[in-house]
Amino acid sequence: MTIDKKQQEIIDEFSMFDDWMDKYNYLIELSKDLPEMDPKNKTDENLIEGCQSKVWLNAEMQDEKLVFSADSDAIITKGIIALLIEVLSGRTPGEIKDANLYFIDEIGLKENLSPTRSNGLLAMVNKIKAYAMAYELKQNQ
């Protein structure tokens, strides 16, 4: 499934909910479905700067594709990183780097987050794209 098709699937899922309390509950459910992160990857190096809560993100190259694992000490934040991983994990660095993550605006996520969570969301996206750029550079050497 392409990144755009995955984003559309998420937009469709979120459109089933009438209000943001239901959408927050859905994010909480997504956080519960996020595979457990290996404790050895919960390092300061994998901690995302700019998030109010603690968010760890690890990337590994598998068959020319980046595979992400993550965790957070805040349940809604964990749901947000789960959404990003759902869209971007298992993609090539180029696909991730070039991805236009329009689903964030389409589902109204950014405007329904507190300013600190919104900054954290941006920090998560930037960290994922930074991993993609770093791995792409490694591939091209």
C-alpha atoms as a PDB file:
ATOM      1  CA  MET A   1       0.000   0.000   0.000  1.00  0.00           C
ATOM      2  CA  THR A   2       1.352   3.437  -0.915  1.00  0.00           C
ATOM      3  CA  ILE A   3       1.878   6.236   1.589  1.00  0.00           C
ATOM      4  CA  ASP A   4      -1.021   8.158   0.042  1.00  0.00           C
ATOM      5  CA  LYS A   5      -3.369   5.167   0.266  1.00  0.00           C
ATOM      6  CA  LYS A   6      -2.367   4.610   3.896  1.00  0.00           C
ATOM      7  CA  GLN A   7      -3.010   8.279   4.675  1.00  0.00           C
ATOM      8  CA  GLN A   8      -6.422   8.080   3.011  1.00  0.00           C
ATOM      9  CA  GLU A   9      -7.236   5.007   5.084  1.00  0.00           C
ATOM     10  CA  ILE A  10      -6.423   6.968   8.260  1.00  0.00           C
ATOM     11  CA  ILE A  11      -8.494   9.954   7.068  1.00  0.00           C
ATOM     12  CA  ASP A  12     -11.424   7.587   6.459  1.00  0.00           C
ATOM     13  CA  GLU A  13     -11.015   5.987   9.903  1.00  0.00           C
ATOM     14  CA  PHE A  14     -10.973   9.361  11.661  1.00  0.00           C
ATOM     15  CA  SER A  15     -13.970  10.610   9.663  1.00  0.00           C
ATOM     16  CA  MET A  16     -16.107   7.949  11.366  1.00  0.00           C
ATOM     17  CA  PHE A  17     -15.848   9.856  14.658  1.00  0.00           C
ATOM     18  CA  ASP A  18     -18.103  12.822  15.334  1.00  0.00           C
ATOM     19  CA  ASP A  19     -16.097  14.631  17.978  1.00  0.00           C
ATOM     20  CA  TRP A  20     -12.544  14.934  19.202  1.00  0.00           C
ATOM     21  CA  MET A  21     -13.130  12.993  22.391  1.00  0.00           C
ATOM     22  CA  ASP A  22     -13.850   9.949  20.222  1.00  0.00           C
ATOM     23  CA  LYS A  23     -10.759  10.684  18.122  1.00  0.00           C
ATOM     24  CA  TYR A  24      -8.610  10.944  21.268  1.00  0.00           C
ATOM     25  CA  ASN A  25     -10.012   7.597  22.396  1.00  0.00           C
ATOM     26  CA  TYR A  26      -9.057   6.167  19.005  1.00  0.00           C
ATOM     27  CA  LEU A  27      -5.502   7.494  19.446  1.00  0.00           C
ATOM     28  CA  ILE A  28      -5.415   5.768  22.829  1.00  0.00           C
ATOM     29  CA  GLU A  29      -6.475   2.510  21.166  1.00  0.00           C
ATOM     30  CA  LEU A  30      -3.718   2.942  18.558  1.00  0.00           C
ATOM     31  CA  SER A  31      -1.197   3.429  21.345  1.00  0.00           C
ATOM     32  CA  LYS A  32      -2.181   0.058  22.790  1.00  0.00           C
ATOM     33  CA  ASP A  33      -1.601  -1.603  19.391  1.00  0.00           C
ATOM     34  CA  LEU A  34       1.913  -0.183  18.981  1.00  0.00           C
ATOM     35  CA  PRO A  35       4.360  -3.085  19.296  1.00  0.00           C
ATOM     36  CA  GLU A  36       6.463  -2.886  22.433  1.00  0.00           C
ATOM     37  CA  MET A  37       9.815  -1.206  21.887  1.00  0.00           C
ATOM     38  CA  ASP A  38      12.919  -3.129  22.874  1.00  0.00           C
ATOM     39  CA  PRO A  39      14.073  -1.554  26.155  1.00  0.00           C
ATOM     40  CA  LYS A  40      17.657  -1.408  24.831  1.00  0.00           C
ATOM     41  CA  ASN A  41      16.440   1.172  22.277  1.00  0.00           C
ATOM     42  CA  LYS A  42      15.097   3.526  24.943  1.00  0.00           C
ATOM     43  CA  THR A  43      18.272   5.582  24.923  1.00  0.00           C
ATOM     44  CA  ASP A  44      18.946   9.300  25.124  1.00  0.00           C
ATOM     45  CA  GLU A  45      20.030   9.114  21.472  1.00  0.00           C
ATOM     46  CA  ASN A  46      16.546   7.878  20.503  1.00  0.00           C
ATOM     47  CA  LEU A  47      14.724  10.434  22.658  1.00  0.00           C
ATOM     48  CA  ILE A  48      12.975  13.052  20.531  1.00  0.00           C
ATOM     49  CA  GLU A  49      13.908  16.609  21.476  1.00  0.00           C
ATOM     50  CA  GLY A  50      11.003  19.056  21.526  1.00  0.00           C
ATOM     51  CA  CYS A  51       8.375  16.758  22.988  1.00  0.00           C
ATOM     52  CA  GLN A  52       6.938  17.600  26.372  1.00  0.00           C
ATOM     53  CA  SER A  53       6.503  13.913  27.146  1.00  0.00           C
ATOM     54  CA  LYS A  54       9.215  11.341  26.551  1.00  0.00           C
ATOM     55  CA  VAL A  55       9.128   9.814  23.087  1.00  0.00           C
ATOM     56  CA  TRP A  56      11.700   7.334  21.872  1.00  0.00           C
ATOM     57  CA  LEU A  57      12.066   6.532  18.186  1.00  0.00           C
ATOM     58  CA  ASN A  58      14.395   3.933  16.730  1.00  0.00           C
ATOM     59  CA  ALA A  59      15.037   3.242  13.057  1.00  0.00           C
ATOM     60  CA  GLU A  60      16.626   0.195  11.490  1.00  0.00           C
ATOM     61  CA  MET A  61      17.260  -0.637   7.857  1.00  0.00           C
ATOM     62  CA  GLN A  62      15.683  -3.914   6.717  1.00  0.00           C
ATOM     63  CA  ASP A  63      15.736  -4.897   3.035  1.00  0.00           C
ATOM     64  CA  GLU A  64      16.433  -1.311   1.874  1.00  0.00           C
ATOM     65  CA  LYS A  65      13.498  -0.004   3.958  1.00  0.00           C
ATOM     66  CA  LEU A  66      13.383   1.863   7.245  1.00  0.00           C
ATOM     67  CA  VAL A  67      11.492   0.144  10.029  1.00  0.00           C
ATOM     68  CA  PHE A  68      10.594   2.233  13.058  1.00  0.00           C
ATOM     69  CA  SER A  69       9.832   1.312  16.630  1.00  0.00           C
ATOM     70  CA  ALA A  70       8.709   3.809  19.238  1.00  0.00           C
ATOM     71  CA  ASP A  71       7.353   4.333  22.698  1.00  0.00           C
ATOM     72  CA  SER A  72       6.157   7.218  24.858  1.00  0.00           C
ATOM     73  CA  ASP A  73       5.327   7.768  28.480  1.00  0.00           C
ATOM     74  CA  ALA A  74       2.148   9.642  27.432  1.00  0.00           C
ATOM     75  CA  ILE A  75      -0.704   7.625  25.950  1.00  0.00           C
ATOM     76  CA  ILE A  76      -2.018  10.170  23.388  1.00  0.00           C
ATOM     77  CA  THR A  77       1.522  10.965  22.264  1.00  0.00           C
ATOM     78  CA  LYS A  78       2.114   7.235  21.879  1.00  0.00           C
ATOM     79  CA  GLY A  79      -0.998   7.079  19.676  1.00  0.00           C
ATOM     80  CA  ILE A  80       0.344   9.928  17.535  1.00  0.00           C
ATOM     81  CA  ILE A  81       3.720   8.247  16.998  1.00  0.00           C
ATOM     82  CA  ALA A  82       1.828   5.006  16.239  1.00  0.00           C
ATOM     83  CA  LEU A  83      -0.022   6.837  13.441  1.00  0.00           C
ATOM     84  CA  LEU A  84       3.229   8.165  11.980  1.00  0.00           C
ATOM     85  CA  ILE A  85       4.809   4.720  12.118  1.00  0.00           C
ATOM     86  CA  GLU A  86       1.736   3.192  10.477  1.00  0.00           C
ATOM     87  CA  VAL A  87       2.206   5.544   7.509  1.00  0.00           C
ATOM     88  CA  LEU A  88       6.000   5.620   7.228  1.00  0.00           C
ATOM     89  CA  SER A  89       7.513   2.412   8.598  1.00  0.00           C
ATOM     90  CA  GLY A  90       8.578  -0.104   5.967  1.00  0.00           C
ATOM     91  CA  ARG A  91       9.287   2.568   3.338  1.00  0.00           C
ATOM     92  CA  THR A  92      12.485   3.521   1.578  1.00  0.00           C
ATOM     93  CA  PRO A  93      14.378   6.539   2.907  1.00  0.00           C
ATOM     94  CA  GLY A  94      13.496   8.436  -0.284  1.00  0.00           C
ATOM     95  CA  GLU A  95       9.785   7.734   0.106  1.00  0.00           C
ATOM     96  CA  ILE A  96       9.874   8.930   3.718  1.00  0.00           C
ATOM     97  CA  LYS A  97      11.928  12.014   2.929  1.00  0.00           C
ATOM     98  CA  ASP A  98       9.601  13.044   0.090  1.00  0.00           C
ATOM     99  CA  ALA A  99       6.335  12.164   1.854  1.00  0.00           C
ATOM    100  CA  ASN A 100       3.757  14.917   2.160  1.00  0.00           C
ATOM    101  CA  LEU A 101       1.984  14.029   5.396  1.00  0.00           C
ATOM    102  CA  TYR A 102      -1.320  15.714   4.561  1.00  0.00           C
ATOM    103  CA  PHE A 103      -3.355  13.342   6.741  1.00  0.00           C
ATOM    104  CA  ILE A 104      -2.253  15.315   9.825  1.00  0.00           C
ATOM    105  CA  ASP A 105      -4.164  18.390   8.602  1.00  0.00           C
ATOM    106  CA  GLU A 106      -6.999  16.389   7.015  1.00  0.00           C
ATOM    107  CA  ILE A 107      -7.951  14.702  10.293  1.00  0.00           C
ATOM    108  CA  GLY A 108      -7.529  17.987  12.192  1.00  0.00           C
ATOM    109  CA  LEU A 109      -4.822  16.582  14.422  1.00  0.00           C
ATOM    110  CA  LYS A 110      -2.579  19.635  14.606  1.00  0.00           C
ATOM    111  CA  GLU A 111      -5.397  22.070  15.417  1.00  0.00           C
ATOM    112  CA  ASN A 112      -6.831  19.812  18.131  1.00  0.00           C
ATOM    113  CA  LEU A 113      -3.586  19.361  20.021  1.00  0.00           C
ATOM    114  CA  SER A 114      -2.234  21.632  22.698  1.00  0.00           C
ATOM    115  CA  PRO A 115       0.641  23.847  21.482  1.00  0.00           C
ATOM    116  CA  THR A 116       3.181  21.644  23.269  1.00  0.00           C
ATOM    117  CA  ARG A 117       1.764  18.446  21.728  1.00  0.00           C
ATOM    118  CA  SER A 118       1.652  20.149  18.340  1.00  0.00           C
ATOM    119  CA  ASN A 119       5.341  21.031  18.705  1.00  0.00           C
ATOM    120  CA  GLY A 120       5.990  17.430  19.709  1.00  0.00           C
ATOM    121  CA  LEU A 121       4.206  16.184  16.581  1.00  0.00           C
ATOM    122  CA  LEU A 122       6.448  18.386  14.435  1.00  0.00           C
ATOM    123  CA  ALA A 123       9.510  17.108  16.319  1.00  0.00           C
ATOM    124  CA  MET A 124       8.427  13.490  15.651  1.00  0.00           C
ATOM    125  CA  VAL A 125       7.969  14.129  11.917  1.00  0.00           C
ATOM    126  CA  ASN A 126      11.333  15.930  11.761  1.00  0.00           C
ATOM    127  CA  LYS A 127      13.113  13.060  13.557  1.00  0.00           C
ATOM    128  CA  ILE A 128      11.608  10.470  11.186  1.00  0.00           C
ATOM    129  CA  LYS A 129      12.650  12.538   8.158  1.00  0.00           C
ATOM    130  CA  ALA A 130      16.128  13.075   9.660  1.00  0.00           C
ATOM    131  CA  TYR A 131      16.533   9.293   9.983  1.00  0.00           C
ATOM    132  CA  ALA A 132      15.452   8.925   6.348  1.00  0.00           C
ATOM    133  CA  MET A 133      17.973  11.528   5.172  1.00  0.00           C
ATOM    134  CA  ALA A 134      20.774   9.937   7.195  1.00  0.00           C
ATOM    135  CA  TYR A 135      20.062   6.454   5.859  1.00  0.00           C
ATOM    136  CA  GLU A 136      19.717   7.766   2.307  1.00  0.00           C
ATOM    137  CA  LEU A 137      23.150   9.406   2.602  1.00  0.00           C
ATOM    138  CA  LYS A 138      24.593   6.114   3.877  1.00  0.00           C
ATOM    139  CA  GLN A 139      23.098   4.250   0.905  1.00  0.00           C
ATOM    140  CA  ASN A 140      24.554   6.731  -1.572  1.00  0.00           C
ATOM    141  CA  GLN A 141      28.118   6.516  -0.260  1.00  0.00           C
END
